């Protein structure tokens, strides 16, 4: 068990790797992962030692069986590391009455992303090591200079963020680092007659970006868009304020009536509107810091081209360097001195050259694109965002009292609010007409499973199900 053979399989290295793997596996048990997320998160940094000792255990030759996926992971991880070194410019934060916040960042014009994309966020003042993924609610076509995410207070990290923004009125800057955005390469929302969006709680956030994308296509290109039915379920009356995020805060007015939109909102715990829970939306504006930069594509607008260049060029450099080392360092020891070169030293040299090749090429490409990004950042130093003129208190959140005086009446008129009941998903889905109905579900696991069972029951043939899951 303690054998570490220099010229073959090392039992000790394999046992060490197995221990690290078991520790990571134990922390992924749902009860541990959700109750002790910090433990789960920090334990997974052991993947570095797990891989290193695994390679020492089997040798670099057998480890090359996983080289393609491992190599791509190293490229992506190093690019994320380079992007996270900068702190981004946080323009404003909207504090919602349902213990949720919307963070609005400055972004470069050249940064584009698809609906349902996610972005990893780190706030050093809360935790220097924790990175959390959140769905992007803004649309890169509608909002050229802004990127937004909505964060619902739930765990320890999100509760600290909400408390920080809701109680500290004097805060004028919040340091934030990001990685991403990451998202689907393409979307097929236009290929159906009807689009049904079913959400529970904060699961509505990816659907906000989808509705904004359809709004952009309908308003700008006048193209045909599917009918949209949003079925959202909330626990309390205050959570209705989440619906107001559908309309972007933009200097260009976008009328939601351009879409054929129907919203069915269900409040499961409150049986009637809570008149005493009327809370205005709080908006905090942050002072720009010269060191903060807008969010931009780490590899520039031609990211796929640059990414291909990094992968291919770094691999060529790796082959050249490892070939030189093998010919002029390893080969003479094996054949001239009569001593077999250590398997583990050979593995270490391969790992070192792989990481070094990726670091050199990726750093050069990022520095090359950083000059162009710096020019664009200077152009938007004085970024101005219009102060919101409509709060949730004058929209859906107070729909019963102020319907007549709303500037966004179309959103209110498209919304039906049901109190004290849960949505009858089977009835609602079977009533949807159309030859092709796309059903997207986002929210609790049981809800997504229920929707999947209805769509796959065979009672109707026009329902096509897709699940959106962002829970860890």
Protein backbone atom coordinates (compact mmCIF):
# COMPACT_ATOMS: atom_id res chain seq x y z
CA UNK A 1 0.00 0.00 0.00
CA UNK A 2 2.94 2.35 0.56
CA UNK A 3 4.80 1.34 -2.60
CA UNK A 4 5.82 4.16 -4.94
CA UNK A 5 7.61 2.43 -7.78
CA UNK A 6 9.65 4.75 -9.99
CA UNK A 7 9.20 2.55 -13.06
CA UNK A 8 5.59 1.35 -12.91
CA UNK A 9 2.18 1.81 -11.35
CA UNK A 10 2.40 3.63 -8.01
CA UNK A 11 -0.02 2.18 -5.48
CA UNK A 12 0.46 5.02 -3.00
CA UNK A 13 -0.29 7.70 -5.61
CA UNK A 14 -3.47 5.87 -6.60
CA UNK A 15 -4.61 5.62 -3.00
CA UNK A 16 -4.00 9.34 -2.43
CA UNK A 17 -5.96 10.16 -5.58
CA UNK A 18 -8.78 7.85 -4.47
CA UNK A 19 -9.01 9.60 -1.09
CA UNK A 20 -9.33 13.01 -2.74
CA UNK A 21 -11.96 11.62 -5.13
CA UNK A 22 -13.98 10.12 -2.27
CA UNK A 23 -13.91 13.40 -0.34
CA UNK A 24 -15.30 15.24 -3.38
CA UNK A 25 -17.94 12.54 -3.91
CA UNK A 26 -19.10 12.64 -0.28
CA UNK A 27 -19.55 16.43 -0.44
CA UNK A 28 -21.87 16.08 -3.45
CA UNK A 29 -24.52 14.19 -1.43
CA UNK A 30 -27.57 16.50 -1.75
CA UNK A 31 -28.07 16.92 2.00
CA UNK A 32 -24.43 17.94 2.50
CA UNK A 33 -24.19 20.01 -0.69
CA UNK A 34 -27.25 22.12 0.07
CA UNK A 35 -26.82 22.52 3.82
CA UNK A 36 -23.04 23.02 3.79
CA UNK A 37 -22.43 24.59 0.40
CA UNK A 38 -19.14 26.15 1.53
CA UNK A 39 -17.80 22.71 2.43
CA UNK A 40 -18.95 21.34 -0.94
CA UNK A 41 -17.41 24.23 -2.82
CA UNK A 42 -14.01 24.28 -1.15
CA UNK A 43 -13.70 20.49 -1.17
CA UNK A 44 -13.91 20.49 -4.95
CA UNK A 45 -10.65 22.36 -5.24
CA UNK A 46 -9.15 18.94 -4.47
CA UNK A 47 -9.76 18.05 -8.14
CA UNK A 48 -6.29 19.47 -8.84
CA UNK A 49 -4.59 17.01 -6.49
CA UNK A 50 -6.93 14.22 -7.65
CA UNK A 51 -5.79 14.63 -11.28
CA UNK A 52 -2.09 15.08 -10.42
CA UNK A 53 -1.87 11.94 -8.30
CA UNK A 54 -4.01 10.01 -10.77
CA UNK A 55 -1.46 10.77 -13.48
CA UNK A 56 1.35 9.75 -11.12
CA UNK A 57 -0.57 6.53 -10.48
CA UNK A 58 -1.19 5.38 -14.07
CA UNK A 59 1.58 7.24 -15.86
CA UNK A 60 1.33 9.89 -18.57
CA UNK A 61 0.83 7.35 -21.37
CA UNK A 62 -2.43 5.99 -19.98
CA UNK A 63 -3.47 9.46 -18.79
CA UNK A 64 -3.39 10.62 -22.42
CA UNK A 65 -6.63 8.68 -22.91
CA UNK A 66 -8.40 11.67 -21.33
CA UNK A 67 -6.13 14.29 -22.94
CA UNK A 68 -8.72 15.93 -25.29
CA UNK A 69 -11.27 16.75 -22.58
CA UNK A 70 -8.60 17.53 -19.99
CA UNK A 71 -6.78 19.84 -22.40
CA UNK A 72 -9.95 21.78 -23.26
CA UNK A 73 -10.74 22.08 -19.55
CA UNK A 74 -7.30 23.57 -18.84
CA UNK A 75 -7.73 26.13 -21.65
CA UNK A 76 -11.16 27.18 -20.38
CA UNK A 77 -10.04 27.28 -16.74
CA UNK A 78 -7.04 29.47 -17.49
CA UNK A 79 -9.11 31.89 -19.59
CA UNK A 80 -11.60 32.15 -16.74
CA UNK A 81 -8.69 32.82 -14.38
CA UNK A 82 -7.46 35.68 -16.57
CA UNK A 83 -10.93 37.20 -16.85
CA UNK A 84 -11.52 37.04 -13.10
CA UNK A 85 -8.41 39.10 -12.35
CA UNK A 86 -10.31 42.31 -13.24
CA UNK A 87 -13.06 43.87 -11.20
CA UNK A 88 -16.02 44.90 -13.34
CA UNK A 89 -18.03 48.10 -13.19
CA UNK A 90 -21.26 47.69 -11.22
CA UNK A 91 -23.55 50.53 -12.30
CA UNK A 92 -26.60 50.00 -10.10
CA UNK A 93 -28.57 47.52 -8.02
CA UNK A 94 -32.31 47.21 -7.70
CA UNK A 95 -33.54 45.75 -4.42
CA UNK A 96 -36.85 43.95 -4.83
CA UNK A 97 -39.35 43.51 -1.97
CA UNK A 98 -39.15 39.70 -2.28
CA UNK A 99 -35.55 39.63 -0.98
CA UNK A 100 -34.04 39.59 -4.45
CA UNK A 101 -31.61 42.00 -6.08
CA UNK A 102 -30.90 42.87 -9.69
CA UNK A 103 -27.28 43.78 -10.39
CA UNK A 104 -26.68 45.94 -13.45
CA UNK A 105 -23.16 45.90 -14.90
CA UNK A 106 -21.54 47.96 -17.60
CA UNK A 107 -20.69 45.88 -20.65
CA UNK A 108 -18.85 46.38 -23.92
CA UNK A 109 -20.89 46.73 -27.11
CA UNK A 110 -19.08 43.81 -28.69
CA UNK A 111 -20.16 41.34 -26.01
CA UNK A 112 -23.12 39.25 -27.18
CA UNK A 113 -24.79 36.24 -25.61
CA UNK A 114 -27.88 34.12 -26.10
CA UNK A 115 -30.92 33.94 -23.82
CA UNK A 116 -30.66 31.63 -20.77
CA UNK A 117 -26.91 32.31 -20.52
CA UNK A 118 -25.28 32.24 -17.08
CA UNK A 119 -22.40 34.13 -15.51
CA UNK A 120 -20.23 33.30 -12.50
CA UNK A 121 -19.96 36.08 -9.92
CA UNK A 122 -17.49 36.62 -7.09
CA UNK A 123 -17.80 39.39 -4.49
CA UNK A 124 -14.59 39.50 -2.40
CA UNK A 125 -16.23 41.47 0.42
CA UNK A 126 -18.53 38.46 1.00
CA UNK A 127 -16.17 35.61 0.08
CA UNK A 128 -12.90 35.75 -1.81
CA UNK A 129 -13.09 32.14 -3.02
CA UNK A 130 -16.77 31.51 -3.69
CA UNK A 131 -18.07 31.80 -7.26
CA UNK A 132 -21.78 31.40 -7.91
CA UNK A 133 -23.56 31.05 -11.28
CA UNK A 134 -26.59 33.24 -11.99
CA UNK A 135 -28.87 33.53 -14.98
CA UNK A 136 -28.48 36.66 -17.11
CA UNK A 137 -31.82 38.43 -17.47
CA UNK A 138 -30.75 41.22 -19.82
CA UNK A 139 -30.65 40.94 -23.60
CA UNK A 140 -27.52 41.94 -25.48
CA UNK A 141 -29.61 43.19 -28.43
CA UNK A 142 -31.92 45.37 -26.36
CA UNK A 143 -29.33 46.61 -23.87
CA UNK A 144 -26.04 47.35 -25.59
CA UNK A 145 -24.30 48.85 -22.56
CA UNK A 146 -25.79 46.88 -19.69
CA UNK A 147 -25.75 43.30 -18.42
CA UNK A 148 -28.08 42.28 -15.60
CA UNK A 149 -28.47 39.30 -13.29
CA UNK A 150 -31.14 38.65 -10.66
CA UNK A 151 -30.11 37.03 -7.38
CA UNK A 152 -32.75 35.65 -5.03
CA UNK A 153 -31.87 35.49 -1.36
CA UNK A 154 -31.62 31.86 -0.31
CA UNK A 155 -28.30 30.57 0.99
CA UNK A 156 -25.73 32.24 3.20
CA UNK A 157 -23.91 34.01 0.37
CA UNK A 158 -27.05 35.48 -1.24
CA UNK A 159 -28.45 36.52 2.14
CA UNK A 160 -25.27 38.46 2.90
CA UNK A 161 -25.49 40.19 -0.49
CA UNK A 162 -29.13 41.16 0.02
CA UNK A 163 -28.44 42.45 3.53
CA UNK A 164 -25.45 44.42 2.26
CA UNK A 165 -27.48 46.18 -0.45
CA UNK A 166 -30.74 46.62 1.44
CA UNK A 167 -29.36 48.01 4.72
CA UNK A 168 -26.17 49.89 3.82
CA UNK A 169 -27.55 53.02 2.20
CA UNK A 170 -24.13 54.71 2.27
CA UNK A 171 -22.37 52.07 0.15
CA UNK A 172 -21.07 53.71 -3.03
CA UNK A 173 -19.07 50.87 -4.59
CA UNK A 174 -19.09 47.09 -4.58
CA UNK A 175 -16.13 45.13 -5.92
CA UNK A 176 -17.29 42.32 -8.23
CA UNK A 177 -15.42 39.90 -10.50
CA UNK A 178 -17.11 37.78 -13.15
CA UNK A 179 -16.46 34.79 -15.40
CA UNK A 180 -18.47 34.33 -18.56
CA UNK A 181 -21.09 34.66 -19.91
CA UNK A 182 -21.65 31.02 -20.80
CA UNK A 183 -24.71 29.86 -22.64
CA UNK A 184 -26.26 27.78 -25.41
CA UNK A 185 -24.75 28.15 -28.86
CA UNK A 186 -28.19 28.64 -30.41
CA UNK A 187 -31.87 28.77 -29.51
CA UNK A 188 -34.95 27.43 -31.26
CA UNK A 189 -37.69 29.54 -29.70
CA UNK A 190 -38.99 30.70 -33.10
CA UNK A 191 -39.61 27.20 -34.45
CA UNK A 192 -42.86 26.65 -32.55
CA UNK A 193 -46.36 28.10 -32.69
CA UNK A 194 -46.67 28.55 -28.93
CA UNK A 195 -44.03 28.88 -26.25
CA UNK A 196 -45.10 27.84 -22.74
CA UNK A 197 -42.80 28.94 -19.93
CA UNK A 198 -43.44 27.29 -16.55
CA UNK A 199 -41.49 28.57 -13.57
CA UNK A 200 -41.43 28.26 -9.80
CA UNK A 201 -39.98 31.02 -7.63
CA UNK A 202 -36.69 32.37 -8.94
CA UNK A 203 -36.96 29.95 -11.88
CA UNK A 204 -38.55 32.82 -13.77
CA UNK A 205 -35.15 34.47 -14.34
CA UNK A 206 -34.09 32.56 -17.51
CA UNK A 207 -37.51 33.25 -19.04
CA UNK A 208 -37.02 37.00 -18.67
CA UNK A 209 -34.15 36.86 -21.17
CA UNK A 210 -36.24 34.73 -23.55
CA UNK A 211 -39.17 37.17 -23.51
CA UNK A 212 -36.80 40.11 -24.04
CA UNK A 213 -35.25 38.34 -27.04
CA UNK A 214 -38.68 37.78 -28.59
CA UNK A 215 -39.57 41.41 -27.85
CA UNK A 216 -36.45 42.57 -29.67
CA UNK A 217 -37.14 40.39 -32.71
CA UNK A 218 -40.76 41.52 -32.89
CA UNK A 219 -40.00 45.22 -32.40
CA UNK A 220 -36.89 45.52 -34.55
CA UNK A 221 -37.37 43.04 -37.37
CA UNK A 222 -41.18 42.73 -37.29
CA UNK A 223 -40.78 38.97 -37.67
CA UNK A 224 -43.36 36.46 -36.55
CA UNK A 225 -42.89 35.28 -32.99
CA UNK A 226 -44.72 32.50 -31.16
CA UNK A 227 -47.47 33.15 -28.68
CA UNK A 228 -45.95 33.19 -25.19
CA UNK A 229 -47.74 31.76 -22.14
CA UNK A 230 -45.87 32.37 -18.88
CA UNK A 231 -47.12 30.26 -15.95
CA UNK A 232 -45.26 31.39 -12.84
CA UNK A 233 -45.77 30.26 -9.27
CA UNK A 234 -44.67 32.28 -6.24
CA UNK A 235 -44.94 31.66 -2.54
CA UNK A 236 -45.82 35.16 -1.35
CA UNK A 237 -47.47 38.28 -2.70
CA UNK A 238 -44.23 40.29 -2.64
CA UNK A 239 -42.64 37.92 -5.17
CA UNK A 240 -44.94 39.35 -7.87
CA UNK A 241 -42.36 42.10 -8.23
CA UNK A 242 -40.23 39.60 -10.19
CA UNK A 243 -42.63 39.99 -13.15
CA UNK A 244 -41.68 43.64 -13.52
CA UNK A 245 -38.18 42.64 -14.58
CA UNK A 246 -39.58 41.46 -17.92
CA UNK A 247 -39.49 45.03 -19.21
CA UNK A 248 -35.89 46.27 -19.62
CA UNK A 249 -34.77 49.56 -18.14
CA UNK A 250 -33.75 51.17 -21.38
CA UNK A 251 -33.77 54.63 -22.88
CA UNK A 252 -35.61 53.11 -25.83
CA UNK A 253 -39.23 52.29 -24.95
CA UNK A 254 -40.31 48.75 -25.75
CA UNK A 255 -44.02 48.01 -25.70
CA UNK A 256 -44.76 44.53 -24.44
CA UNK A 257 -48.07 44.63 -26.32
CA UNK A 258 -46.11 43.87 -29.49
CA UNK A 259 -45.90 40.31 -28.20
CA UNK A 260 -48.81 37.93 -27.87
CA UNK A 261 -48.07 37.43 -24.18
CA UNK A 262 -50.25 35.82 -21.51
CA UNK A 263 -49.06 35.66 -17.90
CA UNK A 264 -50.72 33.42 -15.33
CA UNK A 265 -49.26 34.20 -11.88
CA UNK A 266 -50.10 31.97 -8.90
CA UNK A 267 -49.58 33.03 -5.27
CA UNK A 268 -49.70 29.83 -3.25
CA UNK A 269 -49.44 31.07 0.35
CA UNK A 270 -51.32 34.39 0.34
CA UNK A 271 -55.04 34.16 -0.32
CA UNK A 272 -55.45 37.86 -1.18
CA UNK A 273 -53.29 40.91 -1.95
CA UNK A 274 -51.37 42.13 1.07
CA UNK A 275 -52.13 45.83 1.32
CA UNK A 276 -49.71 46.27 4.21
CA UNK A 277 -46.78 44.79 2.26
CA UNK A 278 -46.52 47.69 -0.18
CA UNK A 279 -42.79 48.29 -0.57
CA UNK A 280 -41.25 50.56 -3.18
CA UNK A 281 -38.40 49.35 -5.32
CA UNK A 282 -35.01 50.56 -4.09
CA UNK A 283 -32.40 51.50 -6.66
CA UNK A 284 -28.80 52.07 -5.62
CA UNK A 285 -26.36 53.80 -7.94
CA UNK A 286 -22.65 53.18 -7.55
CA UNK A 287 -19.82 55.58 -8.24
CA UNK A 288 -17.55 54.53 -11.13
CA UNK A 289 -14.03 53.51 -10.21
CA UNK A 290 -11.19 54.11 -12.71
CA UNK A 291 -9.84 50.62 -12.08
CA UNK A 292 -13.16 48.92 -12.86
CA UNK A 293 -13.72 47.72 -16.41
CA UNK A 294 -16.87 46.85 -18.36
CA UNK A 295 -17.66 43.20 -18.93
CA UNK A 296 -16.19 42.21 -22.28
CA UNK A 297 -15.49 39.04 -24.22
CA UNK A 298 -12.13 37.82 -22.97
CA UNK A 299 -11.12 36.80 -26.51
CA UNK A 300 -12.78 39.69 -28.31
CA UNK A 301 -15.61 39.57 -30.87
CA UNK A 302 -13.99 36.73 -32.85
CA UNK A 303 -13.80 34.48 -29.80
CA UNK A 304 -14.26 31.17 -31.62
CA UNK A 305 -11.42 31.97 -34.00
CA UNK A 306 -9.09 32.98 -31.17
CA UNK A 307 -10.10 29.96 -29.09
CA UNK A 308 -9.25 27.65 -31.96
CA UNK A 309 -5.91 29.41 -32.33
CA UNK A 310 -5.14 28.96 -28.63
CA UNK A 311 -5.98 25.25 -28.66
CA UNK A 312 -4.09 24.41 -31.84
CA UNK A 313 -1.05 26.64 -31.34
CA UNK A 314 -0.54 25.69 -27.68
CA UNK A 315 -0.78 22.00 -28.57
CA UNK A 316 1.78 22.39 -31.35
CA UNK A 317 4.14 24.15 -28.93
CA UNK A 318 3.56 21.34 -26.40
CA UNK A 319 4.49 18.70 -29.00
CA UNK A 320 7.62 20.58 -30.04
CA UNK A 321 8.87 21.16 -26.49
CA UNK A 322 8.09 17.65 -25.29
CA UNK A 323 9.78 16.28 -28.41
CA UNK A 324 12.94 18.26 -27.68
CA UNK A 325 12.92 17.12 -24.04
CA UNK A 326 12.42 13.51 -25.08
CA UNK A 327 15.16 13.56 -27.68
CA UNK A 328 17.86 15.48 -25.83
CA UNK A 329 17.09 14.73 -22.16
CA UNK A 330 15.04 11.54 -21.66
CA UNK A 331 16.45 9.49 -24.57
CA UNK A 332 20.16 9.84 -23.55
CA UNK A 333 19.37 8.73 -19.98
CA UNK A 334 17.40 5.67 -21.15
CA UNK A 335 19.90 4.48 -23.76
CA UNK A 336 23.32 5.84 -22.83
CA UNK A 337 23.45 5.49 -19.07
CA UNK A 338 21.46 2.27 -18.94
CA UNK A 339 19.08 3.71 -16.35
CA UNK A 340 15.33 3.81 -17.00
CA UNK A 341 14.00 7.33 -16.78
CA UNK A 342 11.54 7.80 -13.90
CA UNK A 343 7.91 7.40 -15.01
CA UNK A 344 6.74 9.98 -12.49
CA UNK A 345 9.30 12.60 -13.47
CA UNK A 346 8.27 12.05 -17.08
CA UNK A 347 4.63 12.57 -16.13
CA UNK A 348 5.52 15.71 -14.20
CA UNK A 349 7.41 17.15 -17.19
CA UNK A 350 4.45 16.49 -19.48
CA UNK A 351 2.02 18.20 -17.09
CA UNK A 352 4.37 21.15 -16.68
CA UNK A 353 4.81 21.60 -20.44
CA UNK A 354 1.06 21.32 -21.10
CA UNK A 355 0.22 23.99 -18.54
CA UNK A 356 3.08 26.22 -19.65
CA UNK A 357 2.14 26.04 -23.34
CA UNK A 358 -1.49 26.94 -22.62
CA UNK A 359 -0.48 29.79 -20.29
CA UNK A 360 1.92 31.35 -22.81
CA UNK A 361 -0.40 31.28 -25.81
CA UNK A 362 -3.60 32.19 -23.93
CA UNK A 363 -1.90 35.10 -22.14
CA UNK A 364 -0.58 36.46 -25.44
CA UNK A 365 -4.02 36.30 -27.09
CA UNK A 366 -5.75 37.92 -24.10
CA UNK A 367 -3.19 40.74 -24.00
CA UNK A 368 -3.66 41.31 -27.72
CA UNK A 369 -7.43 41.64 -27.31
CA UNK A 370 -7.08 43.63 -24.10
CA UNK A 371 -5.78 46.63 -26.05
CA UNK A 372 -8.95 46.76 -28.14
CA UNK A 373 -11.11 46.26 -25.06
CA UNK A 374 -9.32 49.11 -23.29
CA UNK A 375 -10.17 51.48 -26.13
CA UNK A 376 -13.84 50.57 -25.89
CA UNK A 377 -13.75 50.88 -22.09
CA UNK A 378 -12.54 54.46 -22.39
CA UNK A 379 -15.49 55.31 -24.62
CA UNK A 380 -18.01 54.27 -21.97
CA UNK A 381 -16.25 55.66 -18.90
CA UNK A 382 -19.11 58.10 -18.40
CA UNK A 383 -21.80 55.48 -18.70
CA UNK A 384 -25.21 56.90 -17.87
CA UNK A 385 -28.22 54.77 -17.12
CA UNK A 386 -31.65 56.34 -16.96
CA UNK A 387 -33.20 56.29 -13.52
CA UNK A 388 -36.21 53.97 -13.54
CA UNK A 389 -39.45 55.89 -13.59
CA UNK A 390 -41.68 52.93 -12.90
CA UNK A 391 -41.43 50.84 -9.75
CA UNK A 392 -43.12 47.58 -8.93
CA UNK A 393 -45.48 49.50 -6.69
CA UNK A 394 -47.03 51.07 -9.77
CA UNK A 395 -47.15 47.93 -11.86
CA UNK A 396 -47.98 44.29 -11.19
CA UNK A 397 -47.12 44.63 -7.51
CA UNK A 398 -50.04 47.01 -6.97
CA UNK A 399 -52.20 45.96 -9.87
CA UNK A 400 -55.54 46.25 -8.06
CA UNK A 401 -55.19 49.93 -7.15
CA UNK A 402 -53.24 51.68 -9.87
CA UNK A 403 -54.24 49.96 -13.09
CA UNK A 404 -55.69 53.12 -14.62
CA UNK A 405 -52.55 55.26 -14.32
CA UNK A 406 -49.91 52.84 -15.51
CA UNK A 407 -47.40 53.72 -18.23
CA UNK A 408 -46.92 49.97 -18.77
CA UNK A 409 -50.55 48.92 -18.81
CA UNK A 410 -49.95 46.26 -21.46
CA UNK A 411 -47.89 44.19 -19.02
CA UNK A 412 -50.56 44.50 -16.35
CA UNK A 413 -53.38 43.66 -18.73
CA UNK A 414 -51.55 40.53 -19.86
CA UNK A 415 -51.30 39.25 -16.27
CA UNK A 416 -53.87 37.22 -14.36
CA UNK A 417 -53.09 36.76 -10.67
CA UNK A 418 -54.50 33.75 -8.78
CA UNK A 419 -54.33 33.68 -4.98
CA UNK A 420 -54.17 30.73 -2.61
CA UNK A 421 -53.96 28.00 -5.27
CA UNK A 422 -51.37 26.09 -7.20
CA UNK A 423 -51.49 25.92 -10.99
CA UNK A 424 -53.28 22.94 -12.49
CA UNK A 425 -50.49 22.24 -14.97
CA UNK A 426 -52.24 19.32 -16.66
CA UNK A 427 -55.32 21.37 -17.46
CA UNK A 428 -53.33 24.43 -18.52
CA UNK A 429 -51.07 22.46 -20.86
CA UNK A 430 -53.88 20.44 -22.43
CA UNK A 431 -55.73 23.68 -23.21
CA UNK A 432 -52.81 25.05 -25.23
CA UNK A 433 -53.65 25.02 -28.93
CA UNK A 434 -51.18 24.77 -31.79
CA UNK A 435 -49.48 22.14 -33.90
CA UNK A 436 -46.12 22.68 -32.18
CA UNK A 437 -45.94 23.77 -28.53
CA UNK A 438 -42.54 24.21 -26.87
CA UNK A 439 -42.72 23.75 -23.08
CA UNK A 440 -39.85 25.03 -20.96
CA UNK A 441 -39.80 24.35 -17.22
CA UNK A 442 -37.50 26.06 -14.73
CA UNK A 443 -37.68 25.75 -10.98
CA UNK A 444 -37.93 23.04 -8.33
CA UNK A 445 -37.08 19.50 -9.37
CA UNK A 446 -40.54 18.10 -8.52
CA UNK A 447 -42.23 20.74 -10.67
CA UNK A 448 -39.98 19.99 -13.65
CA UNK A 449 -40.62 16.27 -13.26
CA UNK A 450 -44.38 16.88 -13.15
CA UNK A 451 -44.26 18.92 -16.36
CA UNK A 452 -42.10 16.28 -18.03
CA UNK A 453 -44.57 13.54 -17.06
CA UNK A 454 -47.49 15.51 -18.52
CA UNK A 455 -45.70 16.19 -21.81
CA UNK A 456 -44.61 12.54 -22.17
CA UNK A 457 -47.94 11.03 -21.19
CA UNK A 458 -49.00 10.58 -24.83
CA UNK A 459 -52.41 12.19 -24.25
CA UNK A 460 -51.42 15.07 -26.53
CA UNK A 461 -48.88 15.06 -29.32
CA UNK A 462 -48.10 18.76 -29.72
CA UNK A 463 -46.09 19.26 -26.51
CA UNK A 464 -42.28 19.29 -26.71
CA UNK A 465 -40.61 19.47 -23.31
CA UNK A 466 -37.27 20.97 -22.28
CA UNK A 467 -35.96 21.45 -18.76
CA UNK A 468 -33.83 24.35 -17.59
CA UNK A 469 -31.99 23.49 -14.40
CA UNK A 470 -29.56 25.84 -12.67
CA UNK A 471 -29.48 24.30 -9.21
CA UNK A 472 -26.24 22.79 -7.86
